C-alpha cells in the first residue's frame, strides 16, 4: 500500500473515531453528525493545505506593504494542494451527505 493511501485510510479512521466519540457523548446518531463534521474537516484542511491568496484583503495588504517599505513584494497566486488529508475529508463529507439523504 502506498503512503498516500495509508494516510487516506488513517485520516478516515481518525475522523470516524472522533465523530463516534462525539456522537456517543452527545447522544446523537453518528450519521447525523457525519456530514457536518466532514464539512468542518474539509474546510479546515482546505484552509491549511492551500497557499497564496487572490483575496482583496491579501491584495490590499501586499500593496500597502509595498508602499510603506518601498520593496517590491510579489503576490503569490492561490494554489490548492490535493493532499490525502483533504481528499479523505471530502470523501467523508460526501458519504455523510449520501447517508443523511437515505437514512
PDB file of N, CA and C in Angstrom:
ATOM      1  N   UNK A   1       0.841  -1.169   0.000  1.00  0.00           N
ATOM      2  CA  UNK A   1       0.000   0.000   0.000  1.00  0.00           C
ATOM      3  C   UNK A   1       0.892   1.241   0.000  1.00  0.00           C
ATOM      4  N   UNK A   2       0.530   2.211  -0.804  1.00  0.00           N
ATOM      5  CA  UNK A   2       1.307   3.438  -0.880  1.00  0.00           C
ATOM      6  C   UNK A   2       1.114   4.280   0.372  1.00  0.00           C
ATOM      7  N   UNK A   3       2.027   5.208   0.546  1.00  0.00           N
ATOM      8  CA  UNK A   3       1.972   6.072   1.720  1.00  0.00           C
ATOM      9  C   UNK A   3       0.727   6.964   1.700  1.00  0.00           C
ATOM     10  N   UNK A   4       0.376   7.487   0.524  1.00  0.00           N
ATOM     11  CA  UNK A   4      -0.795   8.357   0.442  1.00  0.00           C
ATOM     12  C   UNK A   4      -2.092   7.595   0.728  1.00  0.00           C
ATOM     13  N   UNK A   5      -2.160   6.347   0.290  1.00  0.00           N
ATOM     14  CA  UNK A   5      -3.353   5.539   0.579  1.00  0.00           C
ATOM     15  C   UNK A   5      -3.454   5.241   2.066  1.00  0.00           C
ATOM     16  N   UNK A   6      -2.323   4.992   2.689  1.00  0.00           N
ATOM     17  CA  UNK A   6      -2.307   4.748   4.127  1.00  0.00           C
ATOM     18  C   UNK A   6      -2.741   5.991   4.895  1.00  0.00           C
ATOM     19  N   UNK A   7      -2.249   7.150   4.479  1.00  0.00           N
ATOM     20  CA  UNK A   7      -2.651   8.403   5.113  1.00  0.00           C
ATOM     21  C   UNK A   7      -4.145   8.639   4.919  1.00  0.00           C
ATOM     22  N   UNK A   8      -4.650   8.332   3.732  1.00  0.00           N
ATOM     23  CA  UNK A   8      -6.072   8.488   3.434  1.00  0.00           C
ATOM     24  C   UNK A   8      -6.922   7.655   4.392  1.00  0.00           C
ATOM     25  N   UNK A   9      -6.589   6.381   4.551  1.00  0.00           N
ATOM     26  CA  UNK A   9      -7.387   5.499   5.411  1.00  0.00           C
ATOM     27  C   UNK A   9      -7.222   5.836   6.891  1.00  0.00           C
ATOM     28  N   UNK A  10      -6.034   6.234   7.297  1.00  0.00           N
ATOM     29  CA  UNK A  10      -5.844   6.639   8.695  1.00  0.00           C
ATOM     30  C   UNK A  10      -6.630   7.904   8.995  1.00  0.00           C
ATOM     31  N   UNK A  11      -6.669   8.838   8.049  1.00  0.00           N
ATOM     32  CA  UNK A  11      -7.459  10.060   8.232  1.00  0.00           C
ATOM     33  C   UNK A  11      -8.938   9.734   8.354  1.00  0.00           C
ATOM     34  N   UNK A  12      -9.427   8.835   7.514  1.00  0.00           N
ATOM     35  CA  UNK A  12     -10.829   8.429   7.611  1.00  0.00           C
ATOM     36  C   UNK A  12     -11.132   7.776   8.959  1.00  0.00           C
ATOM     37  N   UNK A  13     -10.234   6.918   9.430  1.00  0.00           N
ATOM     38  CA  UNK A  13     -10.439   6.264  10.723  1.00  0.00           C
ATOM     39  C   UNK A  13     -10.415   7.256  11.875  1.00  0.00           C
ATOM     40  N   UNK A  14      -9.514   8.220  11.826  1.00  0.00           N
ATOM     41  CA  UNK A  14      -9.436   9.228  12.890  1.00  0.00           C
ATOM     42  C   UNK A  14     -10.695  10.083  12.902  1.00  0.00           C
ATOM     43  N   UNK A  15     -11.134  10.525  11.718  1.00  0.00           N
ATOM     44  CA  UNK A  15     -12.353  11.335  11.648  1.00  0.00           C
ATOM     45  C   UNK A  15     -13.564  10.535  12.138  1.00  0.00           C
ATOM     46  N   UNK A  16     -13.665   9.288  11.711  1.00  0.00           N
ATOM     47  CA  UNK A  16     -14.786   8.457  12.150  1.00  0.00           C
ATOM     48  C   UNK A  16     -14.725   8.214  13.659  1.00  0.00           C
ATOM     49  N   UNK A  17     -13.540   8.001  14.200  1.00  0.00           N
ATOM     50  CA  UNK A  17     -13.394   7.805  15.640  1.00  0.00           C
ATOM     51  C   UNK A  17     -13.783   9.039  16.435  1.00  0.00           C
ATOM     52  N   UNK A  18     -13.376  10.206  15.955  1.00  0.00           N
ATOM     53  CA  UNK A  18     -13.750  11.438  16.641  1.00  0.00           C
ATOM     54  C   UNK A  18     -15.258  11.662  16.613  1.00  0.00           C
ATOM     55  N   UNK A  19     -15.866  11.398  15.478  1.00  0.00           N
ATOM     56  CA  UNK A  19     -17.309  11.604  15.354  1.00  0.00           C
ATOM     57  C   UNK A  19     -18.071  10.566  16.166  1.00  0.00           C
ATOM     58  N   UNK A  20     -17.561   9.345  16.214  1.00  0.00           N
ATOM     59  CA  UNK A  20     -18.212   8.322  17.036  1.00  0.00           C
ATOM     60  C   UNK A  20     -18.151   8.705  18.518  1.00  0.00           C
ATOM     61  N   UNK A  21     -17.014   9.214  18.955  1.00  0.00           N
ATOM     62  CA  UNK A  21     -16.886   9.645  20.349  1.00  0.00           C
ATOM     63  C   UNK A  21     -17.816  10.818  20.651  1.00  0.00           C
ATOM     64  N   UNK A  22     -17.886  11.783  19.743  1.00  0.00           N
ATOM     65  CA  UNK A  22     -18.785  12.925  19.945  1.00  0.00           C
ATOM     66  C   UNK A  22     -20.243  12.497  19.915  1.00  0.00           C
ATOM     67  N   UNK A  23     -20.591  11.600  19.018  1.00  0.00           N
ATOM     68  CA  UNK A  23     -21.991  11.181  18.927  1.00  0.00           C
ATOM     69  C   UNK A  23     -22.409  10.371  20.153  1.00  0.00           C
ATOM     70  N   UNK A  24     -21.513   9.576  20.690  1.00  0.00           N
ATOM     71  CA  UNK A  24     -21.871   8.821  21.894  1.00  0.00           C
ATOM     72  C   UNK A  24     -21.913   9.733  23.123  1.00  0.00           C
ATOM     73  N   UNK A  25     -21.099  10.774  23.127  1.00  0.00           N
ATOM     74  CA  UNK A  25     -21.102  11.723  24.242  1.00  0.00           C
ATOM     75  C   UNK A  25     -22.347  12.600  24.213  1.00  0.00           C
ATOM     76  N   UNK A  26     -22.771  13.009  23.012  1.00  0.00           N
ATOM     77  CA  UNK A  26     -23.919  13.904  22.868  1.00  0.00           C
ATOM     78  C   UNK A  26     -25.239  13.168  22.663  1.00  0.00           C
ATOM     79  N   UNK A  27     -25.215  11.849  22.595  1.00  0.00           N
ATOM     80  CA  UNK A  27     -26.404  11.013  22.373  1.00  0.00           C
ATOM     81  C   UNK A  27     -27.114  11.377  21.070  1.00  0.00           C
ATOM     82  N   UNK A  28     -26.315  11.558  20.022  1.00  0.00           N
ATOM     83  CA  UNK A  28     -26.822  11.844  18.681  1.00  0.00           C
ATOM     84  C   UNK A  28     -26.331  10.727  17.770  1.00  0.00           C
ATOM     85  N   UNK A  29     -27.124  10.393  16.742  1.00  0.00           N
ATOM     86  CA  UNK A  29     -26.699   9.339  15.825  1.00  0.00           C
ATOM     87  C   UNK A  29     -25.441   9.761  15.071  1.00  0.00           C
ATOM     88  N   UNK A  30     -24.605   8.793  14.786  1.00  0.00           N
ATOM     89  CA  UNK A  30     -23.347   9.006  14.073  1.00  0.00           C
ATOM     90  C   UNK A  30     -23.584   9.639  12.704  1.00  0.00           C
ATOM     91  N   UNK A  31     -24.601   9.164  12.000  1.00  0.00           N
ATOM     92  CA  UNK A  31     -24.878   9.628  10.643  1.00  0.00           C
ATOM     93  C   UNK A  31     -25.324  11.090  10.634  1.00  0.00           C
ATOM     94  N   UNK A  32     -25.991  11.531  11.691  1.00  0.00           N
ATOM     95  CA  UNK A  32     -26.432  12.918  11.749  1.00  0.00           C
ATOM     96  C   UNK A  32     -25.254  13.888  11.849  1.00  0.00           C
ATOM     97  N   UNK A  33     -24.203  13.482  12.488  1.00  0.00           N
ATOM     98  CA  UNK A  33     -23.024  14.345  12.629  1.00  0.00           C
ATOM     99  C   UNK A  33     -22.027  14.192  11.489  1.00  0.00           C
ATOM    100  N   UNK A  34     -22.165  13.151  10.716  1.00  0.00           N
ATOM    101  CA  UNK A  34     -21.149  12.802   9.736  1.00  0.00           C
ATOM    102  C   UNK A  34     -20.956  13.875   8.664  1.00  0.00           C
ATOM    103  N   UNK A  35     -22.022  14.396   8.089  1.00  0.00           N
ATOM    104  CA  UNK A  35     -21.888  15.404   7.032  1.00  0.00           C
ATOM    105  C   UNK A  35     -21.292  16.688   7.574  1.00  0.00           C
ATOM    106  N   UNK A  36     -21.805  17.173   8.690  1.00  0.00           N
ATOM    107  CA  UNK A  36     -21.349  18.459   9.209  1.00  0.00           C
ATOM    108  C   UNK A  36     -19.909  18.400   9.710  1.00  0.00           C
ATOM    109  N   UNK A  37     -19.539  17.288  10.297  1.00  0.00           N
ATOM    110  CA  UNK A  37     -18.147  17.154  10.719  1.00  0.00           C
ATOM    111  C   UNK A  37     -17.237  16.989   9.509  1.00  0.00           C
ATOM    112  N   UNK A  38     -17.695  16.289   8.485  1.00  0.00           N
ATOM    113  CA  UNK A  38     -16.922  16.183   7.253  1.00  0.00           C
ATOM    114  C   UNK A  38     -16.737  17.537   6.598  1.00  0.00           C
ATOM    115  N   UNK A  39     -17.775  18.356   6.644  1.00  0.00           N
ATOM    116  CA  UNK A  39     -17.672  19.709   6.119  1.00  0.00           C
ATOM    117  C   UNK A  39     -16.660  20.523   6.921  1.00  0.00           C
ATOM    118  N   UNK A  40     -16.701  20.393   8.236  1.00  0.00           N
ATOM    119  CA  UNK A  40     -15.747  21.103   9.093  1.00  0.00           C
ATOM    120  C   UNK A  40     -14.315  20.639   8.819  1.00  0.00           C
ATOM    121  N   UNK A  41     -14.100  19.335   8.736  1.00  0.00           N
ATOM    122  CA  UNK A  41     -12.764  18.813   8.446  1.00  0.00           C
ATOM    123  C   UNK A  41     -12.293  19.258   7.059  1.00  0.00           C
ATOM    124  N   UNK A  42     -13.201  19.297   6.092  1.00  0.00           N
ATOM    125  CA  UNK A  42     -12.829  19.712   4.741  1.00  0.00           C
ATOM    126  C   UNK A  42     -12.420  21.176   4.699  1.00  0.00           C
ATOM    127  N   UNK A  43     -13.171  22.007   5.390  1.00  0.00           N
ATOM    128  CA  UNK A  43     -12.834  23.433   5.418  1.00  0.00           C
ATOM    129  C   UNK A  43     -11.500  23.654   6.119  1.00  0.00           C
ATOM    130  N   UNK A  44     -11.277  22.953   7.217  1.00  0.00           N
ATOM    131  CA  UNK A  44     -10.012  23.117   7.935  1.00  0.00           C
ATOM    132  C   UNK A  44      -8.823  22.629   7.109  1.00  0.00           C
ATOM    133  N   UNK A  45      -8.961  21.492   6.459  1.00  0.00           N
ATOM    134  CA  UNK A  45      -7.847  21.011   5.646  1.00  0.00           C
ATOM    135  C   UNK A  45      -7.661  21.872   4.402  1.00  0.00           C
ATOM    136  N   UNK A  46      -8.742  22.425   3.852  1.00  0.00           N
ATOM    137  CA  UNK A  46      -8.629  23.366   2.731  1.00  0.00           C
ATOM    138  C   UNK A  46      -7.867  24.607   3.170  1.00  0.00           C
ATOM    139  N   UNK A  47      -8.186  25.108   4.351  1.00  0.00           N
ATOM    140  CA  UNK A  47      -7.553  26.320   4.871  1.00  0.00           C
ATOM    141  C   UNK A  47      -6.054  26.114   5.067  1.00  0.00           C
ATOM    142  N   UNK A  48      -5.680  24.973   5.621  1.00  0.00           N
ATOM    143  CA  UNK A  48      -4.280  24.755   5.943  1.00  0.00           C
ATOM    144  C   UNK A  48      -3.471  24.118   4.812  1.00  0.00           C
ATOM    145  N   UNK A  49      -4.119  23.572   3.784  1.00  0.00           N
ATOM    146  CA  UNK A  49      -3.356  22.967   2.694  1.00  0.00           C
ATOM    147  C   UNK A  49      -3.209  23.892   1.496  1.00  0.00           C
ATOM    148  N   UNK A  50      -3.863  25.038   1.498  1.00  0.00           N
ATOM    149  CA  UNK A  50      -3.734  25.957   0.380  1.00  0.00           C
ATOM    150  C   UNK A  50      -2.624  26.969   0.683  1.00  0.00           C
ATOM    151  N   UNK A  51      -2.116  27.573  -0.369  1.00  0.00           N
ATOM    152  CA  UNK A  51      -1.085  28.593  -0.203  1.00  0.00           C
ATOM    153  C   UNK A  51      -1.390  29.741  -1.141  1.00  0.00           C
ATOM    154  N   UNK A  52      -0.891  30.919  -0.802  1.00  0.00           N
ATOM    155  CA  UNK A  52      -1.157  32.094  -1.612  1.00  0.00           C
ATOM    156  C   UNK A  52      -2.574  32.571  -1.410  1.00  0.00           C
ATOM    157  N   UNK A  53      -2.930  33.628  -2.107  1.00  0.00           N
ATOM    158  CA  UNK A  53      -4.288  34.138  -1.984  1.00  0.00           C
ATOM    159  C   UNK A  53      -4.598  35.077  -3.130  1.00  0.00           C
ATOM    160  N   UNK A  54      -5.831  35.080  -3.526  1.00  0.00           N
ATOM    161  CA  UNK A  54      -6.324  36.032  -4.510  1.00  0.00           C
ATOM    162  C   UNK A  54      -7.356  36.961  -3.901  1.00  0.00           C
ATOM    163  N   UNK A  55      -7.455  36.964  -2.599  1.00  0.00           N
ATOM    164  CA  UNK A  55      -8.489  37.763  -1.967  1.00  0.00           C
ATOM    165  C   UNK A  55      -8.133  39.247  -2.010  1.00  0.00           C
ATOM    166  N   UNK A  56      -9.132  40.078  -1.894  1.00  0.00           N
ATOM    167  CA  UNK A  56      -8.914  41.521  -1.916  1.00  0.00           C
ATOM    168  C   UNK A  56      -8.127  41.974  -0.697  1.00  0.00           C
ATOM    169  N   UNK A  57      -8.364  41.335   0.430  1.00  0.00           N
ATOM    170  CA  UNK A  57      -7.641  41.709   1.645  1.00  0.00           C
ATOM    171  C   UNK A  57      -6.144  41.444   1.493  1.00  0.00           C
ATOM    172  N   UNK A  58      -5.787  40.316   0.954  1.00  0.00           N
ATOM    173  CA  UNK A  58      -4.381  39.985   0.742  1.00  0.00           C
ATOM    174  C   UNK A  58      -3.758  40.925  -0.279  1.00  0.00           C
ATOM    175  N   UNK A  59      -4.494  41.257  -1.309  1.00  0.00           N
ATOM    176  CA  UNK A  59      -4.007  42.178  -2.331  1.00  0.00           C
ATOM    177  C   UNK A  59      -3.770  43.556  -1.722  1.00  0.00           C
ATOM    178  N   UNK A  60      -4.687  44.025  -0.870  1.00  0.00           N
ATOM    179  CA  UNK A  60      -4.538  45.313  -0.195  1.00  0.00           C
ATOM    180  C   UNK A  60      -3.330  45.309   0.733  1.00  0.00           C
ATOM    181  N   UNK A  61      -3.152  44.236   1.489  1.00  0.00           N
ATOM    182  CA  UNK A  61      -2.014  44.152   2.402  1.00  0.00           C
ATOM    183  C   UNK A  61      -0.694  44.157   1.636  1.00  0.00           C
ATOM    184  N   UNK A  62      -0.643  43.476   0.511  1.00  0.00           N
ATOM    185  CA  UNK A  62       0.581  43.443  -0.286  1.00  0.00           C
ATOM    186  C   UNK A  62       0.917  44.823  -0.806  1.00  0.00           C
ATOM    187  N   UNK A  63      -0.065  45.547  -1.299  1.00  0.00           N
ATOM    188  CA  UNK A  63       0.190  46.883  -1.840  1.00  0.00           C
ATOM    189  C   UNK A  63       0.528  47.886  -0.743  1.00  0.00           C
ATOM    190  N   UNK A  64      -0.110  47.789   0.407  1.00  0.00           N
ATOM    191  CA  UNK A  64       0.223  48.714   1.485  1.00  0.00           C
ATOM    192  C   UNK A  64       1.635  48.455   2.012  1.00  0.00           C
ATOM    193  N   UNK A  65       2.060  47.191   2.073  1.00  0.00           N
ATOM    194  CA  UNK A  65       3.435  46.883   2.473  1.00  0.00           C
ATOM    195  C   UNK A  65       4.418  47.413   1.435  1.00  0.00           C
ATOM    196  N   UNK A  66       4.063  47.305   0.170  1.00  0.00           N
ATOM    197  CA  UNK A  66       4.933  47.796  -0.898  1.00  0.00           C
ATOM    198  C   UNK A  66       5.084  49.309  -0.815  1.00  0.00           C
ATOM    199  N   UNK A  67       4.002  50.018  -0.510  1.00  0.00           N
ATOM    200  CA  UNK A  67       4.068  51.474  -0.411  1.00  0.00           C
ATOM    201  C   UNK A  67       4.835  51.926   0.828  1.00  0.00           C
ATOM    202  N   UNK A  68       4.678  51.235   1.943  1.00  0.00           N
ATOM    203  CA  UNK A  68       5.355  51.645   3.173  1.00  0.00           C
ATOM    204  C   UNK A  68       6.838  51.321   3.146  1.00  0.00           C
ATOM    205  N   UNK A  69       7.210  50.198   2.599  1.00  0.00           N
ATOM    206  CA  UNK A  69       8.612  49.786   2.655  1.00  0.00           C
ATOM    207  C   UNK A  69       9.392  50.122   1.396  1.00  0.00           C
ATOM    208  N   UNK A  70       8.721  50.291   0.303  1.00  0.00           N
ATOM    209  CA  UNK A  70       9.401  50.561  -0.951  1.00  0.00           C
ATOM    210  C   UNK A  70       9.939  49.313  -1.613  1.00  0.00           C
ATOM    211  N   UNK A  71       9.749  48.180  -0.973  1.00  0.00           N
ATOM    212  CA  UNK A  71      10.240  46.918  -1.531  1.00  0.00           C
ATOM    213  C   UNK A  71       9.246  46.375  -2.546  1.00  0.00           C
ATOM    214  N   UNK A  72       9.746  45.638  -3.482  1.00  0.00           N
ATOM    215  CA  UNK A  72       8.886  45.010  -4.479  1.00  0.00           C
ATOM    216  C   UNK A  72       8.466  43.642  -3.950  1.00  0.00           C
ATOM    217  N   UNK A  73       7.242  43.547  -3.484  1.00  0.00           N
ATOM    218  CA  UNK A  73       6.719  42.314  -2.908  1.00  0.00           C
ATOM    219  C   UNK A  73       5.864  41.630  -3.958  1.00  0.00           C
ATOM    220  N   UNK A  74       6.184  40.382  -4.223  1.00  0.00           N
ATOM    221  CA  UNK A  74       5.434  39.623  -5.215  1.00  0.00           C
ATOM    222  C   UNK A  74       4.182  39.032  -4.591  1.00  0.00           C
ATOM    223  N   UNK A  75       3.110  39.049  -5.347  1.00  0.00           N
ATOM    224  CA  UNK A  75       1.838  38.485  -4.887  1.00  0.00           C
ATOM    225  C   UNK A  75       1.777  37.029  -5.313  1.00  0.00           C
ATOM    226  N   UNK A  76       1.671  36.141  -4.338  1.00  0.00           N
ATOM    227  CA  UNK A  76       1.623  34.708  -4.639  1.00  0.00           C
ATOM    228  C   UNK A  76       0.225  34.313  -5.092  1.00  0.00           C
ATOM    229  N   UNK A  77       0.111  33.587  -6.191  1.00  0.00           N
ATOM    230  CA  UNK A  77      -1.215  33.131  -6.631  1.00  0.00           C
ATOM    231  C   UNK A  77      -1.730  32.011  -5.725  1.00  0.00           C
ATOM    232  N   UNK A  78      -3.035  31.888  -5.712  1.00  0.00           N
ATOM    233  CA  UNK A  78      -3.668  30.844  -4.904  1.00  0.00           C
ATOM    234  C   UNK A  78      -3.339  29.479  -5.484  1.00  0.00           C
ATOM    235  N   UNK A  79      -3.005  28.545  -4.581  1.00  0.00           N
ATOM    236  CA  UNK A  79      -2.716  27.181  -5.016  1.00  0.00           C
ATOM    237  C   UNK A  79      -3.228  26.214  -3.971  1.00  0.00           C
ATOM    238  N   UNK A  80      -4.021  25.273  -4.411  1.00  0.00           N
ATOM    239  CA  UNK A  80      -4.564  24.245  -3.517  1.00  0.00           C
ATOM    240  C   UNK A  80      -3.802  22.956  -3.733  1.00  0.00           C
ATOM    241  N   UNK A  81      -3.337  22.367  -2.651  1.00  0.00           N
ATOM    242  CA  UNK A  81      -2.662  21.074  -2.738  1.00  0.00           C
ATOM    243  C   UNK A  81      -3.695  19.986  -2.439  1.00  0.00           C
ATOM    244  N   UNK A  82      -3.868  19.076  -3.368  1.00  0.00           N
ATOM    245  CA  UNK A  82      -4.830  17.986  -3.208  1.00  0.00           C
ATOM    246  C   UNK A  82      -4.159  16.872  -2.415  1.00  0.00           C
ATOM    247  N   UNK A  83      -4.054  17.061  -1.106  1.00  0.00           N
ATOM    248  CA  UNK A  83      -3.401  16.087  -0.252  1.00  0.00           C
ATOM    249  C   UNK A  83      -4.364  14.958   0.100  1.00  0.00           C
ATOM    250  N   UNK A  84      -3.812  13.908   0.653  1.00  0.00           N
ATOM    251  CA  UNK A  84      -4.637  12.774   1.075  1.00  0.00           C
ATOM    252  C   UNK A  84      -5.578  13.174   2.199  1.00  0.00           C
ATOM    253  N   UNK A  85      -5.133  14.095   3.058  1.00  0.00           N
ATOM    254  CA  UNK A  85      -5.992  14.568   4.146  1.00  0.00           C
ATOM    255  C   UNK A  85      -7.234  15.269   3.595  1.00  0.00           C
ATOM    256  N   UNK A  86      -7.021  16.132   2.608  1.00  0.00           N
ATOM    257  CA  UNK A  86      -8.123  16.883   2.030  1.00  0.00           C
ATOM    258  C   UNK A  86      -9.086  15.966   1.289  1.00  0.00           C
ATOM    259  N   UNK A  87      -8.562  15.017   0.531  1.00  0.00           N
ATOM    260  CA  UNK A  87      -9.426  14.089  -0.204  1.00  0.00           C
ATOM    261  C   UNK A  87     -10.198  13.173   0.744  1.00  0.00           C
ATOM    262  N   UNK A  88      -9.566  12.775   1.846  1.00  0.00           N
ATOM    263  CA  UNK A  88     -10.265  11.939   2.826  1.00  0.00           C
ATOM    264  C   UNK A  88     -11.392  12.723   3.490  1.00  0.00           C
ATOM    265  N   UNK A  89     -11.158  13.980   3.799  1.00  0.00           N
ATOM    266  CA  UNK A  89     -12.205  14.800   4.410  1.00  0.00           C
ATOM    267  C   UNK A  89     -13.353  15.046   3.448  1.00  0.00           C
ATOM    268  N   UNK A  90     -13.027  15.263   2.169  1.00  0.00           N
ATOM    269  CA  UNK A  90     -14.086  15.431   1.163  1.00  0.00           C
ATOM    270  C   UNK A  90     -14.905  14.161   0.993  1.00  0.00           C
ATOM    271  N   UNK A  91     -14.246  13.028   0.970  1.00  0.00           N
ATOM    272  CA  UNK A  91     -14.991  11.779   0.812  1.00  0.00           C
ATOM    273  C   UNK A  91     -15.825  11.470   2.055  1.00  0.00           C
ATOM    274  N   UNK A  92     -15.317  11.796   3.240  1.00  0.00           N
ATOM    275  CA  UNK A  92     -16.086  11.614   4.472  1.00  0.00           C
ATOM    276  C   UNK A  92     -17.341  12.489   4.446  1.00  0.00           C
ATOM    277  N   UNK A  93     -17.184  13.718   3.957  1.00  0.00           N
ATOM    278  CA  UNK A  93     -18.331  14.618   3.842  1.00  0.00           C
ATOM    279  C   UNK A  93     -19.328  14.092   2.804  1.00  0.00           C
ATOM    280  N   UNK A  94     -18.835  13.580   1.684  1.00  0.00           N
ATOM    281  CA  UNK A  94     -19.719  13.050   0.648  1.00  0.00           C
ATOM    282  C   UNK A  94     -20.505  11.839   1.112  1.00  0.00           C
ATOM    283  N   UNK A  95     -19.843  10.941   1.806  1.00  0.00           N
ATOM    284  CA  UNK A  95     -20.536   9.757   2.336  1.00  0.00           C
ATOM    285  C   UNK A  95     -21.559  10.188   3.388  1.00  0.00           C
ATOM    286  N   UNK A  96     -21.206  11.171   4.201  1.00  0.00           N
ATOM    287  CA  UNK A  96     -22.162  11.697   5.184  1.00  0.00           C
ATOM    288  C   UNK A  96     -23.372  12.331   4.535  1.00  0.00           C
ATOM    289  N   UNK A  97     -23.139  13.023   3.414  1.00  0.00           N
ATOM    290  CA  UNK A  97     -24.259  13.635   2.690  1.00  0.00           C
ATOM    291  C   UNK A  97     -25.183  12.574   2.100  1.00  0.00           C
ATOM    292  N   UNK A  98     -24.606  11.546   1.527  1.00  0.00           N
ATOM    293  CA  UNK A  98     -25.414  10.457   0.957  1.00  0.00           C
ATOM    294  C   UNK A  98     -26.198   9.740   2.055  1.00  0.00           C
ATOM    295  N   UNK A  99     -25.533   9.424   3.162  1.00  0.00           N
ATOM    296  CA  UNK A  99     -26.233   8.750   4.269  1.00  0.00           C
ATOM    297  C   UNK A  99     -27.323   9.628   4.872  1.00  0.00           C
ATOM    298  N   UNK A 100     -27.112  10.939   4.944  1.00  0.00           N
ATOM    299  CA  UNK A 100     -28.129  11.800   5.536  1.00  0.00           C
ATOM    300  C   UNK A 100     -29.384  11.879   4.653  1.00  0.00           C
ATOM    301  N   UNK A 101     -29.235  11.696   3.335  1.00  0.00           N
ATOM    302  CA  UNK A 101     -30.400  11.687   2.452  1.00  0.00           C
ATOM    303  C   UNK A 101     -31.181  10.376   2.545  1.00  0.00           C
ATOM    304  N   UNK A 102     -30.487   9.266   2.698  1.00  0.00           N
ATOM    305  CA  UNK A 102     -31.146   7.977   2.621  1.00  0.00           C
ATOM    306  C   UNK A 102     -31.437   7.321   3.962  1.00  0.00           C
ATOM    307  N   UNK A 103     -30.965   7.866   5.050  1.00  0.00           N
ATOM    308  CA  UNK A 103     -31.223   7.242   6.353  1.00  0.00           C
ATOM    309  C   UNK A 103     -32.081   8.123   7.236  1.00  0.00           C
TER     310      UNK A 103
END
